[in-house]
């Protein structure tokens, strides 16, 4: 987390974000003391506020990224009516997708028959 330190009544400085020139104003910097102050970026009040808000926000993640499953190949097949009814019933009860039921069934088959 980004923490700015206040350096009050700085004689003059230029904000490294907006390039504004300030005289006898409070400067904001990540510097711990006056020795580091000249070597690290300095900001005006407005820019420091904007940067802190931006840094403290959680990163945005779109919903498509969260829903990626790695399933990119299509499988189409015909099944009997009772098989489809059982598949849907299991998927509804477990609250998972049909393909997840089939993947679990394949895993179970591999464990027991190989």
PDB file of N, CA and C in Angstrom:
ATOM      1  N   UNK A   1       0.842  -1.174   0.000  1.00  0.00           N
ATOM      2  CA  UNK A   1       0.000   0.000   0.000  1.00  0.00           C
ATOM      3  C   UNK A   1       0.889   1.240   0.000  1.00  0.00           C
ATOM      4  N   UNK A   2       0.538   2.198  -0.821  1.00  0.00           N
ATOM      5  CA  UNK A   2       1.309   3.411  -0.983  1.00  0.00           C
ATOM      6  C   UNK A   2       0.998   4.383   0.150  1.00  0.00           C
ATOM      7  N   UNK A   3       2.024   4.899   0.819  1.00  0.00           N
ATOM      8  CA  UNK A   3       1.845   5.849   1.910  1.00  0.00           C
ATOM      9  C   UNK A   3       2.675   7.090   1.621  1.00  0.00           C
ATOM     10  N   UNK A   4       2.003   8.228   1.471  1.00  0.00           N
ATOM     11  CA  UNK A   4       2.703   9.476   1.256  1.00  0.00           C
ATOM     12  C   UNK A   4       2.995  10.146   2.594  1.00  0.00           C
ATOM     13  N   UNK A   5       4.143  10.788   2.652  1.00  0.00           N
ATOM     14  CA  UNK A   5       4.493  11.580   3.819  1.00  0.00           C
ATOM     15  C   UNK A   5       4.383  13.049   3.427  1.00  0.00           C
ATOM     16  N   UNK A   6       3.900  13.858   4.346  1.00  0.00           N
ATOM     17  CA  UNK A   6       3.733  15.285   4.093  1.00  0.00           C
ATOM     18  C   UNK A   6       5.021  16.027   4.403  1.00  0.00           C
ATOM     19  N   UNK A   7       5.377  16.919   3.502  1.00  0.00           N
ATOM     20  CA  UNK A   7       6.508  17.812   3.704  1.00  0.00           C
ATOM     21  C   UNK A   7       5.951  19.236   3.615  1.00  0.00           C
ATOM     22  N   UNK A   8       5.617  19.846   4.777  1.00  0.00           N
ATOM     23  CA  UNK A   8       4.918  21.134   4.775  1.00  0.00           C
ATOM     24  C   UNK A   8       5.819  22.292   4.359  1.00  0.00           C
ATOM     25  N   UNK A   9       5.182  23.266   3.722  1.00  0.00           N
ATOM     26  CA  UNK A   9       5.787  24.547   3.357  1.00  0.00           C
ATOM     27  C   UNK A   9       7.123  24.393   2.623  1.00  0.00           C
ATOM     28  N   UNK A  10       7.084  23.587   1.580  1.00  0.00           N
ATOM     29  CA  UNK A  10       8.277  23.423   0.745  1.00  0.00           C
ATOM     30  C   UNK A  10       8.447  24.704  -0.059  1.00  0.00           C
ATOM     31  N   UNK A  11       9.664  25.217  -0.098  1.00  0.00           N
ATOM     32  CA  UNK A  11       9.940  26.494  -0.747  1.00  0.00           C
ATOM     33  C   UNK A  11       9.404  26.514  -2.178  1.00  0.00           C
ATOM     34  N   UNK A  12       9.808  25.530  -2.975  1.00  0.00           N
ATOM     35  CA  UNK A  12       9.235  25.356  -4.308  1.00  0.00           C
ATOM     36  C   UNK A  12       9.467  23.928  -4.768  1.00  0.00           C
ATOM     37  N   UNK A  13       8.496  23.405  -5.510  1.00  0.00           N
ATOM     38  CA  UNK A  13       8.627  22.060  -6.068  1.00  0.00           C
ATOM     39  C   UNK A  13       7.716  21.927  -7.279  1.00  0.00           C
ATOM     40  N   UNK A  14       8.016  20.952  -8.102  1.00  0.00           N
ATOM     41  CA  UNK A  14       7.200  20.649  -9.273  1.00  0.00           C
ATOM     42  C   UNK A  14       6.571  19.280  -9.055  1.00  0.00           C
ATOM     43  N   UNK A  15       5.272  19.207  -9.224  1.00  0.00           N
ATOM     44  CA  UNK A  15       4.561  17.929  -9.088  1.00  0.00           C
ATOM     45  C   UNK A  15       4.989  17.028 -10.236  1.00  0.00           C
ATOM     46  N   UNK A  16       5.419  15.819  -9.921  1.00  0.00           N
ATOM     47  CA  UNK A  16       5.872  14.888 -10.949  1.00  0.00           C
ATOM     48  C   UNK A  16       4.726  14.290 -11.760  1.00  0.00           C
ATOM     49  N   UNK A  17       3.503  14.505 -11.335  1.00  0.00           N
ATOM     50  CA  UNK A  17       2.363  13.977 -12.068  1.00  0.00           C
ATOM     51  C   UNK A  17       1.776  15.024 -13.017  1.00  0.00           C
ATOM     52  N   UNK A  18       1.382  16.178 -12.484  1.00  0.00           N
ATOM     53  CA  UNK A  18       0.726  17.202 -13.306  1.00  0.00           C
ATOM     54  C   UNK A  18       1.693  18.279 -13.803  1.00  0.00           C
ATOM     55  N   UNK A  19       2.943  18.221 -13.360  1.00  0.00           N
ATOM     56  CA  UNK A  19       3.991  19.177 -13.729  1.00  0.00           C
ATOM     57  C   UNK A  19       3.693  20.606 -13.268  1.00  0.00           C
ATOM     58  N   UNK A  20       2.773  20.753 -12.322  1.00  0.00           N
ATOM     59  CA  UNK A  20       2.485  22.070 -11.768  1.00  0.00           C
ATOM     60  C   UNK A  20       3.607  22.533 -10.846  1.00  0.00           C
ATOM     61  N   UNK A  21       3.848  23.857 -10.825  1.00  0.00           N
ATOM     62  CA  UNK A  21       4.895  24.416  -9.960  1.00  0.00           C
ATOM     63  C   UNK A  21       4.213  25.020  -8.731  1.00  0.00           C
ATOM     64  N   UNK A  22       4.735  24.696  -7.559  1.00  0.00           N
ATOM     65  CA  UNK A  22       4.123  25.137  -6.311  1.00  0.00           C
ATOM     66  C   UNK A  22       5.166  25.823  -5.439  1.00  0.00           C
ATOM     67  N   UNK A  23       4.732  26.876  -4.734  1.00  0.00           N
ATOM     68  CA  UNK A  23       5.608  27.659  -3.857  1.00  0.00           C
ATOM     69  C   UNK A  23       4.980  27.723  -2.472  1.00  0.00           C
ATOM     70  N   UNK A  24       5.780  27.425  -1.454  1.00  0.00           N
ATOM     71  CA  UNK A  24       5.329  27.476  -0.061  1.00  0.00           C
ATOM     72  C   UNK A  24       4.075  26.627   0.164  1.00  0.00           C
ATOM     73  N   UNK A  25       4.042  25.447  -0.441  1.00  0.00           N
ATOM     74  CA  UNK A  25       2.902  24.522  -0.298  1.00  0.00           C
ATOM     75  C   UNK A  25       3.387  23.210   0.293  1.00  0.00           C
ATOM     76  N   UNK A  26       2.437  22.389   0.712  1.00  0.00           N
ATOM     77  CA  UNK A  26       2.762  21.064   1.226  1.00  0.00           C
ATOM     78  C   UNK A  26       3.005  20.123   0.051  1.00  0.00           C
ATOM     79  N   UNK A  27       4.119  19.420   0.099  1.00  0.00           N
ATOM     80  CA  UNK A  27       4.440  18.425  -0.925  1.00  0.00           C
ATOM     81  C   UNK A  27       4.208  17.038  -0.338  1.00  0.00           C
ATOM     82  N   UNK A  28       3.874  16.096  -1.193  1.00  0.00           N
ATOM     83  CA  UNK A  28       3.622  14.717  -0.781  1.00  0.00           C
ATOM     84  C   UNK A  28       4.619  13.829  -1.490  1.00  0.00           C
ATOM     85  N   UNK A  29       5.272  12.956  -0.734  1.00  0.00           N
ATOM     86  CA  UNK A  29       6.280  12.076  -1.305  1.00  0.00           C
ATOM     87  C   UNK A  29       6.352  10.788  -0.493  1.00  0.00           C
ATOM     88  N   UNK A  30       6.904   9.741  -1.117  1.00  0.00           N
ATOM     89  CA  UNK A  30       7.116   8.482  -0.402  1.00  0.00           C
ATOM     90  C   UNK A  30       8.434   8.519   0.363  1.00  0.00           C
ATOM     91  N   UNK A  31       9.158   9.628   0.263  1.00  0.00           N
ATOM     92  CA  UNK A  31      10.436   9.783   0.970  1.00  0.00           C
ATOM     93  C   UNK A  31      10.201   9.743   2.475  1.00  0.00           C
ATOM     94  N   UNK A  32      11.164   9.194   3.201  1.00  0.00           N
ATOM     95  CA  UNK A  32      11.051   9.124   4.652  1.00  0.00           C
ATOM     96  C   UNK A  32      11.594  10.374   5.337  1.00  0.00           C
ATOM     97  N   UNK A  33      12.519  11.048   4.685  1.00  0.00           N
ATOM     98  CA  UNK A  33      13.114  12.245   5.293  1.00  0.00           C
ATOM     99  C   UNK A  33      13.551  13.205   4.185  1.00  0.00           C
ATOM    100  N   UNK A  34      14.110  14.361   4.603  1.00  0.00           N
ATOM    101  CA  UNK A  34      14.483  15.402   3.650  1.00  0.00           C
ATOM    102  C   UNK A  34      15.622  14.962   2.724  1.00  0.00           C
ATOM    103  N   UNK A  35      16.492  14.049   3.162  1.00  0.00           N
ATOM    104  CA  UNK A  35      17.579  13.586   2.296  1.00  0.00           C
ATOM    105  C   UNK A  35      17.031  12.816   1.089  1.00  0.00           C
ATOM    106  N   UNK A  36      15.998  12.028   1.305  1.00  0.00           N
ATOM    107  CA  UNK A  36      15.396  11.263   0.215  1.00  0.00           C
ATOM    108  C   UNK A  36      14.456  12.117  -0.632  1.00  0.00           C
ATOM    109  N   UNK A  37      13.992  13.211  -0.078  1.00  0.00           N
ATOM    110  CA  UNK A  37      12.965  14.032  -0.721  1.00  0.00           C
ATOM    111  C   UNK A  37      13.370  14.458  -2.132  1.00  0.00           C
ATOM    112  N   UNK A  38      14.599  14.898  -2.331  1.00  0.00           N
ATOM    113  CA  UNK A  38      15.032  15.388  -3.639  1.00  0.00           C
ATOM    114  C   UNK A  38      15.181  14.269  -4.669  1.00  0.00           C
ATOM    115  N   UNK A  39      15.362  13.044  -4.220  1.00  0.00           N
ATOM    116  CA  UNK A  39      15.612  11.941  -5.147  1.00  0.00           C
ATOM    117  C   UNK A  39      14.374  11.137  -5.519  1.00  0.00           C
ATOM    118  N   UNK A  40      13.256  11.368  -4.836  1.00  0.00           N
ATOM    119  CA  UNK A  40      12.034  10.607  -5.095  1.00  0.00           C
ATOM    120  C   UNK A  40      10.945  11.536  -5.641  1.00  0.00           C
ATOM    121  N   UNK A  41       9.967  10.977  -6.341  1.00  0.00           N
ATOM    122  CA  UNK A  41       8.898  11.813  -6.904  1.00  0.00           C
ATOM    123  C   UNK A  41       8.125  12.564  -5.820  1.00  0.00           C
ATOM    124  N   UNK A  42       7.719  13.779  -6.159  1.00  0.00           N
ATOM    125  CA  UNK A  42       6.900  14.598  -5.258  1.00  0.00           C
ATOM    126  C   UNK A  42       5.606  14.962  -5.966  1.00  0.00           C
ATOM    127  N   UNK A  43       4.553  15.110  -5.175  1.00  0.00           N
ATOM    128  CA  UNK A  43       3.235  15.359  -5.753  1.00  0.00           C
ATOM    129  C   UNK A  43       2.525  16.473  -5.005  1.00  0.00           C
ATOM    130  N   UNK A  44       1.608  17.136  -5.711  1.00  0.00           N
ATOM    131  CA  UNK A  44       0.746  18.127  -5.072  1.00  0.00           C
ATOM    132  C   UNK A  44      -0.384  17.381  -4.361  1.00  0.00           C
ATOM    133  N   UNK A  45      -1.216  18.095  -3.622  1.00  0.00           N
ATOM    134  CA  UNK A  45      -2.300  17.473  -2.857  1.00  0.00           C
ATOM    135  C   UNK A  45      -3.251  16.711  -3.774  1.00  0.00           C
ATOM    136  N   UNK A  46      -3.691  17.338  -4.875  1.00  0.00           N
ATOM    137  CA  UNK A  46      -4.668  16.703  -5.766  1.00  0.00           C
ATOM    138  C   UNK A  46      -4.128  15.410  -6.374  1.00  0.00           C
ATOM    139  N   UNK A  47      -2.908  15.457  -6.878  1.00  0.00           N
ATOM    140  CA  UNK A  47      -2.326  14.261  -7.504  1.00  0.00           C
ATOM    141  C   UNK A  47      -2.075  13.165  -6.477  1.00  0.00           C
ATOM    142  N   UNK A  48      -1.615  13.518  -5.285  1.00  0.00           N
ATOM    143  CA  UNK A  48      -1.375  12.526  -4.236  1.00  0.00           C
ATOM    144  C   UNK A  48      -2.679  11.828  -3.861  1.00  0.00           C
ATOM    145  N   UNK A  49      -3.768  12.584  -3.777  1.00  0.00           N
ATOM    146  CA  UNK A  49      -5.070  12.013  -3.449  1.00  0.00           C
ATOM    147  C   UNK A  49      -5.521  11.036  -4.524  1.00  0.00           C
ATOM    148  N   UNK A  50      -5.379  11.429  -5.780  1.00  0.00           N
ATOM    149  CA  UNK A  50      -5.784  10.562  -6.898  1.00  0.00           C
ATOM    150  C   UNK A  50      -4.946   9.290  -6.916  1.00  0.00           C
ATOM    151  N   UNK A  51      -3.644   9.425  -6.752  1.00  0.00           N
ATOM    152  CA  UNK A  51      -2.754   8.260  -6.792  1.00  0.00           C
ATOM    153  C   UNK A  51      -3.045   7.311  -5.637  1.00  0.00           C
ATOM    154  N   UNK A  52      -3.275   7.842  -4.438  1.00  0.00           N
ATOM    155  CA  UNK A  52      -3.597   6.982  -3.290  1.00  0.00           C
ATOM    156  C   UNK A  52      -4.883   6.212  -3.523  1.00  0.00           C
ATOM    157  N   UNK A  53      -5.906   6.887  -4.054  1.00  0.00           N
ATOM    158  CA  UNK A  53      -7.172   6.199  -4.324  1.00  0.00           C
ATOM    159  C   UNK A  53      -6.981   5.090  -5.340  1.00  0.00           C
ATOM    160  N   UNK A  54      -6.225   5.373  -6.405  1.00  0.00           N
ATOM    161  CA  UNK A  54      -5.994   4.393  -7.449  1.00  0.00           C
ATOM    162  C   UNK A  54      -5.197   3.197  -6.916  1.00  0.00           C
ATOM    163  N   UNK A  55      -4.191   3.452  -6.096  1.00  0.00           N
ATOM    164  CA  UNK A  55      -3.348   2.383  -5.558  1.00  0.00           C
ATOM    165  C   UNK A  55      -4.085   1.505  -4.551  1.00  0.00           C
ATOM    166  N   UNK A  56      -5.037   2.080  -3.822  1.00  0.00           N
ATOM    167  CA  UNK A  56      -5.724   1.345  -2.771  1.00  0.00           C
ATOM    168  C   UNK A  56      -6.951   0.595  -3.262  1.00  0.00           C
ATOM    169  N   UNK A  57      -7.311   0.757  -4.562  1.00  0.00           N
ATOM    170  CA  UNK A  57      -8.451   0.034  -5.107  1.00  0.00           C
ATOM    171  C   UNK A  57      -8.010  -1.365  -5.517  1.00  0.00           C
ATOM    172  N   UNK A  58      -8.873  -2.350  -5.288  1.00  0.00           N
ATOM    173  CA  UNK A  58      -8.534  -3.690  -5.763  1.00  0.00           C
ATOM    174  C   UNK A  58      -8.517  -3.710  -7.287  1.00  0.00           C
ATOM    175  N   UNK A  59      -7.685  -4.534  -7.893  1.00  0.00           N
ATOM    176  CA  UNK A  59      -7.625  -4.574  -9.351  1.00  0.00           C
ATOM    177  C   UNK A  59      -8.940  -5.059  -9.937  1.00  0.00           C
ATOM    178  N   UNK A  60      -9.308  -4.506 -11.081  1.00  0.00           N
ATOM    179  CA  UNK A  60     -10.547  -4.904 -11.731  1.00  0.00           C
ATOM    180  C   UNK A  60     -10.333  -6.209 -12.485  1.00  0.00           C
ATOM    181  N   UNK A  61     -11.291  -7.113 -12.312  1.00  0.00           N
ATOM    182  CA  UNK A  61     -11.252  -8.398 -12.999  1.00  0.00           C
ATOM    183  C   UNK A  61     -12.585  -8.570 -13.698  1.00  0.00           C
ATOM    184  N   UNK A  62     -12.548  -8.784 -15.015  1.00  0.00           N
ATOM    185  CA  UNK A  62     -13.821  -8.962 -15.708  1.00  0.00           C
ATOM    186  C   UNK A  62     -14.370 -10.365 -15.450  1.00  0.00           C
ATOM    187  N   UNK A  63     -15.675 -10.486 -15.588  1.00  0.00           N
ATOM    188  CA  UNK A  63     -16.351 -11.735 -15.243  1.00  0.00           C
ATOM    189  C   UNK A  63     -15.968 -12.881 -16.173  1.00  0.00           C
ATOM    190  N   UNK A  64     -15.616 -12.557 -17.414  1.00  0.00           N
ATOM    191  CA  UNK A  64     -15.230 -13.623 -18.334  1.00  0.00           C
ATOM    192  C   UNK A  64     -13.951 -14.312 -17.866  1.00  0.00           C
ATOM    193  N   UNK A  65     -13.025 -13.531 -17.303  1.00  0.00           N
ATOM    194  CA  UNK A  65     -11.787 -14.117 -16.805  1.00  0.00           C
ATOM    195  C   UNK A  65     -12.069 -15.058 -15.646  1.00  0.00           C
ATOM    196  N   UNK A  66     -12.995 -14.668 -14.778  1.00  0.00           N
ATOM    197  CA  UNK A  66     -13.328 -15.507 -13.632  1.00  0.00           C
ATOM    198  C   UNK A  66     -14.001 -16.806 -14.053  1.00  0.00           C
ATOM    199  N   UNK A  67     -14.710 -16.763 -15.166  1.00  0.00           N
ATOM    200  CA  UNK A  67     -15.464 -17.941 -15.610  1.00  0.00           C
ATOM    201  C   UNK A  67     -14.693 -18.841 -16.559  1.00  0.00           C
ATOM    202  N   UNK A  68     -13.436 -18.546 -16.851  1.00  0.00           N
ATOM    203  CA  UNK A  68     -12.676 -19.383 -17.771  1.00  0.00           C
ATOM    204  C   UNK A  68     -12.522 -20.788 -17.198  1.00  0.00           C
ATOM    205  N   UNK A  69     -12.793 -21.771 -18.038  1.00  0.00           N
ATOM    206  CA  UNK A  69     -12.738 -23.157 -17.579  1.00  0.00           C
ATOM    207  C   UNK A  69     -11.680 -23.966 -18.308  1.00  0.00           C
ATOM    208  N   UNK A  70     -11.154 -23.432 -19.408  1.00  0.00           N
ATOM    209  CA  UNK A  70     -10.185 -24.183 -20.188  1.00  0.00           C
ATOM    210  C   UNK A  70     -10.845 -25.128 -21.175  1.00  0.00           C
ATOM    211  N   UNK A  71     -12.156 -25.126 -21.212  1.00  0.00           N
ATOM    212  CA  UNK A  71     -12.871 -26.003 -22.141  1.00  0.00           C
ATOM    213  C   UNK A  71     -13.039 -25.267 -23.469  1.00  0.00           C
ATOM    214  N   UNK A  72     -12.240 -25.666 -24.449  1.00  0.00           N
ATOM    215  CA  UNK A  72     -12.286 -24.967 -25.736  1.00  0.00           C
ATOM    216  C   UNK A  72     -12.704 -25.873 -26.888  1.00  0.00           C
ATOM    217  N   UNK A  73     -12.801 -27.165 -26.649  1.00  0.00           N
ATOM    218  CA  UNK A  73     -13.175 -28.098 -27.714  1.00  0.00           C
ATOM    219  C   UNK A  73     -14.615 -28.536 -27.538  1.00  0.00           C
ATOM    220  N   UNK A  74     -15.309 -28.611 -28.660  1.00  0.00           N
ATOM    221  CA  UNK A  74     -16.724 -28.936 -28.626  1.00  0.00           C
ATOM    222  C   UNK A  74     -16.934 -30.440 -28.720  1.00  0.00           C
ATOM    223  N   UNK A  75     -17.924 -30.920 -27.975  1.00  0.00           N
ATOM    224  CA  UNK A  75     -18.301 -32.328 -28.020  1.00  0.00           C
ATOM    225  C   UNK A  75     -19.812 -32.385 -28.192  1.00  0.00           C
ATOM    226  N   UNK A  76     -20.232 -32.955 -29.293  1.00  0.00           N
ATOM    227  CA  UNK A  76     -21.672 -33.103 -29.530  1.00  0.00           C
ATOM    228  C   UNK A  76     -21.991 -34.573 -29.675  1.00  0.00           C
ATOM    229  N   UNK A  77     -23.014 -35.026 -28.993  1.00  0.00           N
ATOM    230  CA  UNK A  77     -23.371 -36.444 -29.079  1.00  0.00           C
ATOM    231  C   UNK A  77     -24.857 -36.619 -28.825  1.00  0.00           C
ATOM    232  N   UNK A  78     -25.356 -37.754 -29.197  1.00  0.00           N
ATOM    233  CA  UNK A  78     -26.765 -38.085 -28.938  1.00  0.00           C
ATOM    234  C   UNK A  78     -26.814 -39.130 -27.831  1.00  0.00           C
ATOM    235  N   UNK A  79     -27.762 -38.952 -26.920  1.00  0.00           N
ATOM    236  CA  UNK A  79     -27.893 -39.867 -25.791  1.00  0.00           C
ATOM    237  C   UNK A  79     -29.348 -40.286 -25.639  1.00  0.00           C
ATOM    238  N   UNK A  80     -29.549 -41.353 -24.859  1.00  0.00           N
ATOM    239  CA  UNK A  80     -30.920 -41.789 -24.581  1.00  0.00           C
ATOM    240  C   UNK A  80     -31.595 -40.801 -23.625  1.00  0.00           C
ATOM    241  N   UNK A  81     -32.897 -40.811 -23.646  1.00  0.00           N
ATOM    242  CA  UNK A  81     -33.683 -39.884 -22.837  1.00  0.00           C
ATOM    243  C   UNK A  81     -33.425 -40.071 -21.346  1.00  0.00           C
ATOM    244  N   UNK A  82     -33.347 -41.322 -20.874  1.00  0.00           N
ATOM    245  CA  UNK A  82     -33.132 -41.578 -19.453  1.00  0.00           C
ATOM    246  C   UNK A  82     -31.723 -41.134 -19.015  1.00  0.00           C
ATOM    247  N   UNK A  83     -30.719 -41.292 -19.902  1.00  0.00           N
ATOM    248  CA  UNK A  83     -29.370 -40.821 -19.581  1.00  0.00           C
ATOM    249  C   UNK A  83     -29.381 -39.299 -19.391  1.00  0.00           C
ATOM    250  N   UNK A  84     -30.027 -38.591 -20.303  1.00  0.00           N
ATOM    251  CA  UNK A  84     -30.081 -37.134 -20.216  1.00  0.00           C
ATOM    252  C   UNK A  84     -30.824 -36.694 -18.957  1.00  0.00           C
ATOM    253  N   UNK A  85     -31.902 -37.388 -18.606  1.00  0.00           N
ATOM    254  CA  UNK A  85     -32.660 -37.055 -17.398  1.00  0.00           C
ATOM    255  C   UNK A  85     -31.783 -37.228 -16.153  1.00  0.00           C
ATOM    256  N   UNK A  86     -31.021 -38.335 -16.084  1.00  0.00           N
ATOM    257  CA  UNK A  86     -30.121 -38.576 -14.950  1.00  0.00           C
ATOM    258  C   UNK A  86     -29.010 -37.516 -14.897  1.00  0.00           C
ATOM    259  N   UNK A  87     -28.447 -37.207 -16.064  1.00  0.00           N
ATOM    260  CA  UNK A  87     -27.385 -36.195 -16.140  1.00  0.00           C
ATOM    261  C   UNK A  87     -27.878 -34.849 -15.615  1.00  0.00           C
ATOM    262  N   UNK A  88     -29.045 -34.429 -16.080  1.00  0.00           N
ATOM    263  CA  UNK A  88     -29.612 -33.154 -15.634  1.00  0.00           C
ATOM    264  C   UNK A  88     -29.913 -33.158 -14.137  1.00  0.00           C
ATOM    265  N   UNK A  89     -30.435 -34.287 -13.655  1.00  0.00           N
ATOM    266  CA  UNK A  89     -30.772 -34.418 -12.240  1.00  0.00           C
ATOM    267  C   UNK A  89     -29.529 -34.269 -11.363  1.00  0.00           C
ATOM    268  N   UNK A  90     -28.453 -34.955 -11.739  1.00  0.00           N
ATOM    269  CA  UNK A  90     -27.211 -34.881 -10.969  1.00  0.00           C
ATOM    270  C   UNK A  90     -26.645 -33.461 -11.008  1.00  0.00           C
ATOM    271  N   UNK A  91     -26.639 -32.867 -12.198  1.00  0.00           N
ATOM    272  CA  UNK A  91     -26.091 -31.513 -12.352  1.00  0.00           C
ATOM    273  C   UNK A  91     -26.893 -30.511 -11.523  1.00  0.00           C
ATOM    274  N   UNK A  92     -28.202 -30.642 -11.527  1.00  0.00           N
ATOM    275  CA  UNK A  92     -29.045 -29.731 -10.756  1.00  0.00           C
ATOM    276  C   UNK A  92     -28.812 -29.902  -9.265  1.00  0.00           C
ATOM    277  N   UNK A  93     -28.723 -31.169  -8.816  1.00  0.00           N
ATOM    278  CA  UNK A  93     -28.531 -31.453  -7.394  1.00  0.00           C
ATOM    279  C   UNK A  93     -27.163 -30.947  -6.919  1.00  0.00           C
ATOM    280  N   UNK A  94     -26.112 -31.149  -7.715  1.00  0.00           N
ATOM    281  CA  UNK A  94     -24.759 -30.733  -7.349  1.00  0.00           C
ATOM    282  C   UNK A  94     -24.483 -29.260  -7.677  1.00  0.00           C
ATOM    283  N   UNK A  95     -25.395 -28.641  -8.424  1.00  0.00           N
ATOM    284  CA  UNK A  95     -25.252 -27.241  -8.876  1.00  0.00           C
ATOM    285  C   UNK A  95     -23.972 -27.059  -9.691  1.00  0.00           C
ATOM    286  N   UNK A  96     -23.794 -27.938 -10.675  1.00  0.00           N
ATOM    287  CA  UNK A  96     -22.648 -27.877 -11.568  1.00  0.00           C
ATOM    288  C   UNK A  96     -23.133 -28.019 -13.009  1.00  0.00           C
ATOM    289  N   UNK A  97     -22.250 -27.806 -13.964  1.00  0.00           N
ATOM    290  CA  UNK A  97     -22.591 -27.922 -15.376  1.00  0.00           C
ATOM    291  C   UNK A  97     -22.626 -29.389 -15.782  1.00  0.00           C
ATOM    292  N   UNK A  98     -23.331 -29.653 -16.893  1.00  0.00           N
ATOM    293  CA  UNK A  98     -23.412 -31.023 -17.405  1.00  0.00           C
ATOM    294  C   UNK A  98     -22.022 -31.579 -17.681  1.00  0.00           C
ATOM    295  N   UNK A  99     -21.181 -30.755 -18.280  1.00  0.00           N
ATOM    296  CA  UNK A  99     -19.842 -31.204 -18.638  1.00  0.00           C
ATOM    297  C   UNK A  99     -19.042 -31.582 -17.385  1.00  0.00           C
ATOM    298  N   UNK A 100     -19.297 -30.912 -16.275  1.00  0.00           N
ATOM    299  CA  UNK A 100     -18.593 -31.254 -15.035  1.00  0.00           C
ATOM    300  C   UNK A 100     -19.020 -32.633 -14.535  1.00  0.00           C
ATOM    301  N   UNK A 101     -20.281 -32.958 -14.712  1.00  0.00           N
ATOM    302  CA  UNK A 101     -20.747 -34.300 -14.331  1.00  0.00           C
ATOM    303  C   UNK A 101     -20.025 -35.330 -15.178  1.00  0.00           C
ATOM    304  N   UNK A 102     -19.911 -35.079 -16.476  1.00  0.00           N
ATOM    305  CA  UNK A 102     -19.234 -36.012 -17.372  1.00  0.00           C
ATOM    306  C   UNK A 102     -17.744 -36.120 -17.044  1.00  0.00           C
ATOM    307  N   UNK A 103     -17.099 -34.988 -16.718  1.00  0.00           N
ATOM    308  CA  UNK A 103     -15.680 -35.018 -16.345  1.00  0.00           C
ATOM    309  C   UNK A 103     -15.460 -35.837 -15.077  1.00  0.00           C
ATOM    310  N   UNK A 104     -16.339 -35.662 -14.099  1.00  0.00           N
ATOM    311  CA  UNK A 104     -16.220 -36.429 -12.852  1.00  0.00           C
ATOM    312  C   UNK A 104     -16.453 -37.917 -13.096  1.00  0.00           C
ATOM    313  N   UNK A 105     -17.399 -38.210 -13.965  1.00  0.00           N
ATOM    314  CA  UNK A 105     -17.676 -39.613 -14.290  1.00  0.00           C
ATOM    315  C   UNK A 105     -16.464 -40.246 -14.972  1.00  0.00           C
ATOM    316  N   UNK A 106     -15.804 -39.515 -15.860  1.00  0.00           N
ATOM    317  CA  UNK A 106     -14.613 -40.026 -16.530  1.00  0.00           C
ATOM    318  C   UNK A 106     -13.477 -40.249 -15.531  1.00  0.00           C
ATOM    319  N   UNK A 107     -13.298 -39.311 -14.594  1.00  0.00           N
ATOM    320  CA  UNK A 107     -12.276 -39.471 -13.552  1.00  0.00           C
ATOM    321  C   UNK A 107     -12.550 -40.731 -12.728  1.00  0.00           C
ATOM    322  N   UNK A 108     -13.787 -40.927 -12.343  1.00  0.00           N
ATOM    323  CA  UNK A 108     -14.171 -42.096 -11.552  1.00  0.00           C
ATOM    324  C   UNK A 108     -13.918 -43.375 -12.346  1.00  0.00           C
ATOM    325  N   UNK A 109     -14.254 -43.372 -13.631  1.00  0.00           N
ATOM    326  CA  UNK A 109     -14.016 -44.540 -14.487  1.00  0.00           C
ATOM    327  C   UNK A 109     -12.522 -44.856 -14.560  1.00  0.00           C
ATOM    328  N   UNK A 110     -11.700 -43.807 -14.760  1.00  0.00           N
ATOM    329  CA  UNK A 110     -10.252 -44.016 -14.855  1.00  0.00           C
ATOM    330  C   UNK A 110      -9.673 -44.576 -13.556  1.00  0.00           C
ATOM    331  N   UNK A 111     -10.156 -44.113 -12.418  1.00  0.00           N
ATOM    332  CA  UNK A 111      -9.657 -44.610 -11.127  1.00  0.00           C
ATOM    333  C   UNK A 111      -9.996 -46.077 -10.922  1.00  0.00           C
ATOM    334  N   UNK A 112     -11.181 -46.487 -11.338  1.00  0.00           N
ATOM    335  CA  UNK A 112     -11.644 -47.837 -11.062  1.00  0.00           C
ATOM    336  C   UNK A 112     -11.318 -48.867 -12.133  1.00  0.00           C
ATOM    337  N   UNK A 113     -10.949 -48.431 -13.323  1.00  0.00           N
ATOM    338  CA  UNK A 113     -10.734 -49.406 -14.399  1.00  0.00           C
ATOM    339  C   UNK A 113      -9.341 -49.401 -14.981  1.00  0.00           C
ATOM    340  N   UNK A 114      -8.435 -48.652 -14.429  1.00  0.00           N
ATOM    341  CA  UNK A 114      -7.061 -48.627 -14.965  1.00  0.00           C
ATOM    342  C   UNK A 114      -6.059 -48.918 -13.904  1.00  0.00           C
TER     343      UNK A 114
END
